[in-house]
Amino acid sequence: MSQRVIIRRMSSLAMGVAMLWSVFGLAAETAGLGPLVKYGDPVPRDVRDMYDAGVRYLVKAQQPSGAWNDNQSGPGVTGMAMMVLLASGEDPNHGPYRDAIRKAVRNMIDTQNAQTGFLGGGGGHDSMYQHGFGMLALAEAYGAVDDRGLGAARSIGAALELAVRAAVTSAKANPYGAWRYGPDAKDADTSVSGAVMMGLLAARNAGIEVPDETISRAIQYFVSMTGPNGQVGYSGSPGGGSDAVTSIAVLVEAIARKKDLSEYKRSLVYLKERSQSAAAAGDGYPAYTRYYRAQALFQGDVEAWERWNAGLVRELKVLQSKDGSFSGFAGRGGSGGTVDTSLALLSLAVNYKFLPVYER
């Protein structure tokens, strides 16, 4: 029988739940938090209804191969949709989304380059964006999904280790210690680097070895891209970037346990000020901005997140289509799609806090 449960997804890893609490300071910080933050409190009904409708859309849209392939495709797109299913709170090994999750994991592993560890299936879909989101999804699945009998080319752990190696190799060869679209790129931007860093940090928190030097150099890149007012730049010079990349910097620095940085503190203040009105603040990539803003505010200031999240819920209720999908990624219209729907739902998923990346 299907039952919505709170799943401590790291329970089968050596680090265990206790280490997660230590890493994110959960035990020390939850006492004074608001009603949506305490574990065991009910998720608002309108959030559950939106989320469940979106999940039904994604399950129906999944291809027989296990991938999602509509307006955009690749291991990162598949990974986003899979994380939505993992974040639902249903048991990933016995619940209603078991088969969809297993097919997605198998597809991501089987399309991984066995030599380089790069996550990409070719056909123009290879990019470090795909690799970063795919790595994050594998890290969330590791320890949560029982891969016995999965039938994939390798275990989830082995695939994740290969993916980490690919990202580390790419960073070593990059003059900035960060990432751009191609793994051999010699320039960098904060958007791609954020996607890869979240994958690496999630892998590290899951017990996979990630060199400290890789994390430190990437954090220094984000620091170098932060302007005097806290606004983070996209590429090239510091400052002047979108709310999305400022959110990315806040999130990455928080998860990397760098909240003592003056740049982090300035960026958080800037982001909080920008988050007092419109949920997406007019960015050209609203779905992407909501996704990162939700996590950045939650990690940085729970009360600010609660205020902003209330507006987000109202906004997404209007934007959701009757079939459960969302559309408008990159400011474009259309009939919805996996990326728009996954990013919208993952923005709401912070309310569930069933993924380690959504714990504090």
Protein backbone atom coordinates (compact mmCIF):
# COMPACT_ATOMS: atom_id res chain seq x y z
CA MET A 1 0.00 0.00 0.00
CA SER A 2 1.34 3.42 -0.96
CA GLN A 3 1.96 5.79 1.93
CA ARG A 4 3.53 9.23 2.00
CA VAL A 5 6.43 9.03 4.40
CA ILE A 6 9.43 11.11 5.42
CA ILE A 7 12.41 9.25 4.02
CA ARG A 8 15.85 9.79 5.46
CA ARG A 9 17.57 9.08 2.20
CA MET A 10 21.08 8.79 3.54
CA SER A 11 20.28 5.98 5.97
CA SER A 12 22.14 3.32 4.03
CA LEU A 13 25.25 5.44 3.65
CA ALA A 14 28.13 5.34 6.07
CA MET A 15 27.63 8.98 7.04
CA GLY A 16 24.06 8.34 8.23
CA VAL A 17 21.40 10.77 9.27
CA ALA A 18 23.45 12.03 12.21
CA MET A 19 26.10 13.39 9.87
CA LEU A 20 23.47 15.11 7.75
CA TRP A 21 22.19 16.86 10.87
CA SER A 22 25.74 17.85 11.73
CA VAL A 23 26.52 19.09 8.22
CA PHE A 24 23.42 21.25 7.90
CA GLY A 25 23.13 22.25 11.56
CA LEU A 26 19.59 20.86 11.62
CA ALA A 27 19.48 19.89 15.28
CA ALA A 28 20.65 23.32 16.42
CA GLU A 29 18.53 25.39 14.07
CA THR A 30 15.07 23.84 13.90
CA ALA A 31 13.91 24.85 17.37
CA GLY A 32 13.09 28.43 16.44
CA LEU A 33 11.93 27.90 12.88
CA GLY A 34 8.49 28.58 11.49
CA PRO A 35 5.66 26.09 11.04
CA LEU A 36 6.68 24.92 7.57
CA VAL A 37 10.19 24.05 8.70
CA LYS A 38 9.57 21.67 11.57
CA TYR A 39 9.66 18.06 10.47
CA GLY A 40 6.36 16.26 10.67
CA ASP A 41 4.25 19.36 10.09
CA PRO A 42 1.75 18.95 7.27
CA VAL A 43 2.51 20.38 3.86
CA PRO A 44 -0.20 22.85 2.78
CA ARG A 45 -2.97 21.21 0.79
CA ASP A 46 -2.59 23.47 -2.24
CA VAL A 47 1.12 22.61 -2.44
CA ARG A 48 0.35 18.89 -2.29
CA ASP A 49 -2.34 19.18 -4.94
CA MET A 50 -0.07 21.08 -7.33
CA TYR A 51 2.81 18.72 -6.72
CA ASP A 52 0.75 15.58 -7.21
CA ALA A 53 -0.75 16.92 -10.45
CA GLY A 54 2.72 17.75 -11.75
CA VAL A 55 4.05 14.32 -10.82
CA ARG A 56 1.20 12.66 -12.72
CA TYR A 57 2.13 14.72 -15.77
CA LEU A 58 5.80 13.72 -15.54
CA VAL A 59 5.08 10.03 -15.06
CA LYS A 60 2.82 10.05 -18.09
CA ALA A 61 5.44 11.91 -20.16
CA GLN A 62 8.32 9.53 -19.39
CA GLN A 63 9.61 7.62 -22.40
CA PRO A 64 9.86 3.79 -22.41
CA SER A 65 13.64 4.21 -22.27
CA GLY A 66 13.30 5.90 -18.88
CA ALA A 67 14.28 9.32 -20.23
CA TRP A 68 12.17 12.43 -20.64
CA ASN A 69 12.43 13.82 -24.13
CA ASP A 70 10.22 16.71 -25.17
CA ASN A 71 11.34 20.33 -25.60
CA GLN A 72 14.72 19.44 -24.09
CA SER A 73 16.38 16.15 -23.25
CA GLY A 74 19.46 14.58 -21.76
CA PRO A 75 20.62 13.10 -18.44
CA GLY A 76 20.17 16.40 -16.63
CA VAL A 77 16.58 16.71 -17.80
CA THR A 78 15.91 13.12 -16.79
CA GLY A 79 17.63 13.75 -13.47
CA MET A 80 15.45 16.77 -12.71
CA ALA A 81 12.26 14.79 -13.28
CA MET A 82 13.57 11.89 -11.22
CA MET A 83 14.35 14.23 -8.32
CA VAL A 84 10.74 15.41 -8.41
CA LEU A 85 9.64 11.82 -7.87
CA LEU A 86 12.20 11.28 -5.10
CA ALA A 87 11.11 14.48 -3.36
CA SER A 88 7.46 13.44 -3.29
CA GLY A 89 7.99 11.46 -0.10
CA GLU A 90 6.77 8.20 -1.59
CA ASP A 91 8.98 5.18 -0.93
CA PRO A 92 11.28 5.01 -3.99
CA ASN A 93 11.64 1.25 -3.72
CA HIS A 94 8.06 0.19 -3.08
CA GLY A 95 5.89 3.23 -3.80
CA PRO A 96 3.89 4.13 -6.91
CA TYR A 97 6.85 5.79 -8.65
CA ARG A 98 9.26 2.88 -8.14
CA ASP A 99 9.32 1.79 -11.78
CA ALA A 100 9.62 5.33 -13.13
CA ILE A 101 12.53 6.07 -10.78
CA ARG A 102 14.36 2.85 -11.62
CA LYS A 103 13.94 3.37 -15.36
CA ALA A 104 15.28 6.90 -15.04
CA VAL A 105 18.31 5.83 -13.02
CA ARG A 106 19.07 3.01 -15.44
CA ASN A 107 18.84 5.37 -18.42
CA MET A 108 21.19 7.90 -16.85
CA ILE A 109 23.78 5.27 -15.99
CA ASP A 110 23.60 3.49 -19.32
CA THR A 111 24.12 6.72 -21.28
CA GLN A 112 27.13 7.70 -19.16
CA ASN A 113 30.53 7.54 -20.85
CA ALA A 114 32.18 4.58 -19.15
CA GLN A 115 35.69 5.96 -19.77
CA THR A 116 35.38 9.65 -18.91
CA GLY A 117 32.40 9.47 -16.55
CA PHE A 118 30.68 12.23 -18.49
CA LEU A 119 26.91 12.12 -18.24
CA GLY A 120 25.54 12.65 -21.71
CA GLY A 121 23.87 10.66 -24.40
CA GLY A 122 25.14 12.55 -27.44
CA GLY A 123 22.82 13.99 -30.04
CA GLY A 124 23.73 17.55 -29.11
CA HIS A 125 22.64 17.10 -25.50
CA ASP A 126 26.12 16.95 -23.99
CA SER A 127 26.92 19.85 -21.71
CA MET A 128 28.18 20.45 -18.21
CA TYR A 129 24.64 21.62 -17.37
CA GLN A 130 23.42 18.11 -18.12
CA HIS A 131 26.34 16.63 -16.24
CA GLY A 132 25.78 18.78 -13.16
CA PHE A 133 22.07 18.13 -12.84
CA GLY A 134 22.60 14.45 -13.65
CA MET A 135 25.27 14.16 -10.97
CA LEU A 136 22.97 15.84 -8.43
CA ALA A 137 20.18 13.39 -9.27
CA LEU A 138 22.47 10.38 -8.90
CA ALA A 139 23.67 11.72 -5.54
CA GLU A 140 20.07 11.99 -4.36
CA ALA A 141 19.33 8.47 -5.60
CA TYR A 142 22.44 7.03 -3.98
CA GLY A 143 21.46 5.46 -0.68
CA ALA A 144 17.75 5.90 -1.43
CA VAL A 145 17.23 3.64 -4.43
CA ASP A 146 17.99 -0.05 -4.06
CA ASP A 147 19.91 -0.76 -7.24
CA ARG A 148 20.00 -4.53 -6.83
CA GLY A 149 18.52 -5.99 -9.98
CA LEU A 150 18.51 -2.58 -11.63
CA GLY A 151 20.08 -4.01 -14.78
CA ALA A 152 22.25 -0.93 -15.38
CA ALA A 153 25.81 -0.92 -16.65
CA ARG A 154 27.11 -0.14 -13.15
CA SER A 155 25.85 0.62 -9.66
CA ILE A 156 24.60 4.08 -8.69
CA GLY A 157 27.66 4.56 -6.48
CA ALA A 158 30.08 3.61 -9.24
CA ALA A 159 28.30 5.90 -11.71
CA LEU A 160 28.40 8.76 -9.22
CA GLU A 161 32.11 8.29 -8.57
CA LEU A 162 32.76 8.37 -12.32
CA ALA A 163 30.68 11.52 -12.69
CA VAL A 164 32.60 13.21 -9.88
CA ARG A 165 35.88 12.27 -11.51
CA ALA A 166 34.75 13.86 -14.78
CA ALA A 167 33.81 17.12 -13.05
CA VAL A 168 37.06 17.22 -11.07
CA THR A 169 39.13 16.56 -14.20
CA SER A 170 37.32 19.36 -16.02
CA ALA A 171 37.91 21.82 -13.15
CA LYS A 172 41.62 20.98 -12.93
CA ALA A 173 42.10 21.95 -16.56
CA ASN A 174 40.08 25.16 -16.24
CA PRO A 175 42.04 28.34 -15.44
CA TYR A 176 39.23 29.50 -13.15
CA GLY A 177 38.75 26.17 -11.41
CA ALA A 178 35.13 26.28 -12.54
CA TRP A 179 33.04 25.16 -15.51
CA ARG A 180 31.45 26.28 -18.76
CA TYR A 181 29.35 24.35 -21.30
CA GLY A 182 31.99 21.91 -22.50
CA PRO A 183 34.14 19.79 -20.18
CA ASP A 184 37.29 21.11 -21.91
CA ALA A 185 36.30 24.79 -21.77
CA LYS A 186 38.88 27.35 -20.70
CA ASP A 187 36.37 29.96 -19.55
CA ALA A 188 33.62 29.73 -16.93
CA ASP A 189 30.26 31.07 -15.84
CA THR A 190 28.41 31.00 -12.54
CA SER A 191 25.31 29.30 -13.93
CA VAL A 192 27.00 26.17 -15.26
CA SER A 193 29.42 26.18 -12.33
CA GLY A 194 26.49 26.24 -9.91
CA ALA A 195 24.91 23.19 -11.51
CA VAL A 196 28.17 21.24 -11.32
CA MET A 197 28.98 22.41 -7.79
CA MET A 198 25.59 21.32 -6.47
CA GLY A 199 26.24 17.90 -7.94
CA LEU A 200 29.68 17.71 -6.35
CA LEU A 201 28.50 18.96 -2.96
CA ALA A 202 25.61 16.49 -2.94
CA ALA A 203 28.01 13.68 -3.86
CA ARG A 204 30.39 14.73 -1.09
CA ASN A 205 27.56 14.81 1.44
CA ALA A 206 26.56 11.34 0.25
CA GLY A 207 30.00 10.00 1.14
CA ILE A 208 31.76 10.20 -2.23
CA GLU A 209 35.29 11.58 -2.10
CA VAL A 210 35.55 15.03 -3.67
CA PRO A 211 38.92 16.84 -3.48
CA ASP A 212 38.90 19.86 -1.18
CA GLU A 213 40.93 21.75 -3.77
CA THR A 214 38.16 21.40 -6.35
CA ILE A 215 35.57 22.85 -3.97
CA SER A 216 37.88 25.61 -2.74
CA ARG A 217 38.85 26.82 -6.23
CA ALA A 218 35.22 26.87 -7.36
CA ILE A 219 34.14 28.81 -4.26
CA GLN A 220 36.90 31.31 -4.96
CA TYR A 221 35.50 31.74 -8.46
CA PHE A 222 32.08 32.63 -7.04
CA VAL A 223 33.75 35.03 -4.61
CA SER A 224 35.58 36.71 -7.50
CA MET A 225 32.28 37.16 -9.36
CA THR A 226 30.56 38.95 -6.46
CA GLY A 227 30.14 42.71 -6.71
CA PRO A 228 30.33 45.21 -3.84
CA ASN A 229 26.53 45.16 -3.37
CA GLY A 230 26.38 41.36 -3.31
CA GLN A 231 25.08 40.95 -6.85
CA VAL A 232 26.88 38.12 -8.63
CA GLY A 233 28.01 38.27 -12.24
CA TYR A 234 27.37 35.66 -14.89
CA SER A 235 30.77 35.53 -16.61
CA GLY A 236 33.77 37.75 -17.02
CA SER A 237 33.52 40.58 -14.50
CA PRO A 238 31.93 40.62 -11.02
CA GLY A 239 28.43 41.90 -10.35
CA GLY A 240 25.63 42.80 -12.71
CA GLY A 241 24.16 39.31 -13.07
CA SER A 242 20.63 38.01 -12.75
CA ASP A 243 18.83 37.00 -9.58
CA ALA A 244 19.33 33.41 -10.73
CA VAL A 245 23.11 33.49 -10.56
CA THR A 246 23.08 35.45 -7.28
CA SER A 247 20.81 32.74 -5.88
CA ILE A 248 23.19 30.09 -7.16
CA ALA A 249 26.15 31.71 -5.40
CA VAL A 250 24.24 31.98 -2.11
CA LEU A 251 23.15 28.35 -2.32
CA VAL A 252 26.54 26.94 -3.27
CA GLU A 253 28.36 28.89 -0.56
CA ALA A 254 25.78 27.84 2.05
CA ILE A 255 25.97 24.13 1.17
CA ALA A 256 29.78 24.37 1.06
CA ARG A 257 29.62 25.75 4.62
CA LYS A 258 31.06 29.13 3.67
CA LYS A 259 28.48 31.35 5.33
CA ASP A 260 31.26 33.25 7.06
CA LEU A 261 32.36 34.79 3.76
CA SER A 262 31.62 38.49 3.50
CA GLU A 263 30.61 37.92 -0.12
CA TYR A 264 28.01 35.37 0.97
CA LYS A 265 26.56 37.75 3.54
CA ARG A 266 26.32 40.59 1.00
CA SER A 267 24.74 38.34 -1.61
CA LEU A 268 22.16 37.04 0.85
CA VAL A 269 21.16 40.57 1.83
CA TYR A 270 20.89 41.55 -1.84
CA LEU A 271 18.81 38.45 -2.64
CA LYS A 272 16.46 38.98 0.30
CA GLU A 273 15.83 42.56 -0.80
CA ARG A 274 15.14 41.38 -4.34
CA SER A 275 12.77 38.69 -3.05
CA GLN A 276 10.36 40.95 -1.21
CA SER A 277 8.10 41.51 -4.22
CA ALA A 278 7.84 39.39 -7.38
CA ALA A 279 8.65 35.70 -6.98
CA ALA A 280 10.72 35.57 -10.16
CA ALA A 281 11.73 39.27 -10.20
CA GLY A 282 11.32 39.46 -13.96
CA ASP A 283 14.28 37.26 -14.87
CA GLY A 284 14.35 35.93 -18.42
CA TYR A 285 14.55 32.40 -17.03
CA PRO A 286 11.81 32.44 -14.37
CA ALA A 287 11.60 28.68 -13.76
CA TYR A 288 15.36 28.44 -13.30
CA THR A 289 15.32 31.50 -11.01
CA ARG A 290 12.53 30.12 -8.81
CA TYR A 291 14.36 26.80 -8.46
CA TYR A 292 17.56 28.36 -7.14
CA ARG A 293 15.91 31.18 -5.21
CA ALA A 294 13.79 28.73 -3.22
CA GLN A 295 16.83 26.77 -2.05
CA ALA A 296 19.05 29.81 -1.50
CA LEU A 297 16.53 31.59 0.71
CA PHE A 298 15.76 28.42 2.64
CA GLN A 299 19.45 27.86 3.35
CA GLY A 300 20.12 31.52 4.08
CA ASP A 301 17.09 32.83 6.00
CA VAL A 302 14.11 30.61 6.70
CA GLU A 303 11.78 33.47 7.58
CA ALA A 304 12.59 35.20 4.30
CA TRP A 305 11.96 31.92 2.48
CA GLU A 306 8.59 31.47 4.20
CA ARG A 307 7.43 34.92 3.12
CA TRP A 308 8.64 34.44 -0.44
CA ASN A 309 7.33 30.87 -0.62
CA ALA A 310 3.80 32.02 0.15
CA GLY A 311 3.94 34.23 -2.94
CA LEU A 312 5.50 31.44 -4.98
CA VAL A 313 2.64 29.08 -4.17
CA ARG A 314 0.09 31.67 -5.28
CA GLU A 315 2.04 32.36 -8.46
CA LEU A 316 2.43 28.71 -9.46
CA LYS A 317 -1.23 27.95 -8.81
CA VAL A 318 -2.05 30.41 -11.58
CA LEU A 319 0.64 29.12 -13.93
CA GLN A 320 -0.08 25.39 -13.71
CA SER A 321 -1.97 23.91 -16.67
CA LYS A 322 -4.90 21.55 -16.32
CA ASP A 323 -2.68 18.58 -17.21
CA GLY A 324 -0.36 19.43 -14.30
CA SER A 325 2.45 20.89 -16.40
CA PHE A 326 4.10 24.30 -16.34
CA SER A 327 5.47 26.29 -19.26
CA GLY A 328 7.41 29.44 -19.97
CA PHE A 329 11.03 28.43 -19.47
CA ALA A 330 13.34 31.18 -20.79
CA GLY A 331 10.35 33.46 -21.08
CA ARG A 332 8.87 31.40 -23.91
CA GLY A 333 5.34 30.15 -24.12
CA GLY A 334 4.40 26.67 -25.21
CA SER A 335 2.48 23.68 -23.99
CA GLY A 336 4.66 22.84 -21.03
CA GLY A 337 7.48 20.38 -20.78
CA THR A 338 9.71 18.39 -18.51
CA VAL A 339 12.17 21.16 -17.66
CA ASP A 340 9.55 23.79 -16.81
CA THR A 341 7.46 21.33 -14.82
CA SER A 342 10.40 19.80 -12.97
CA LEU A 343 11.89 23.16 -11.99
CA ALA A 344 8.53 24.47 -10.79
CA LEU A 345 7.89 21.37 -8.70
CA LEU A 346 11.41 21.34 -7.28
CA SER A 347 10.84 24.96 -6.24
CA LEU A 348 7.83 23.74 -4.27
CA ALA A 349 9.65 20.64 -3.02
CA VAL A 350 11.50 22.68 -0.40
CA ASN A 351 8.18 22.50 1.49
CA TYR A 352 8.56 18.71 1.67
CA LYS A 353 12.25 18.65 2.65
CA PHE A 354 12.49 14.96 1.77
CA LEU A 355 15.76 15.32 -0.18
CA PRO A 356 19.06 15.85 1.64
CA VAL A 357 19.75 18.91 -0.55
CA TYR A 358 16.60 20.50 0.92
CA GLU A 359 17.66 19.97 4.53
CA ARG A 360 19.42 22.66 6.52
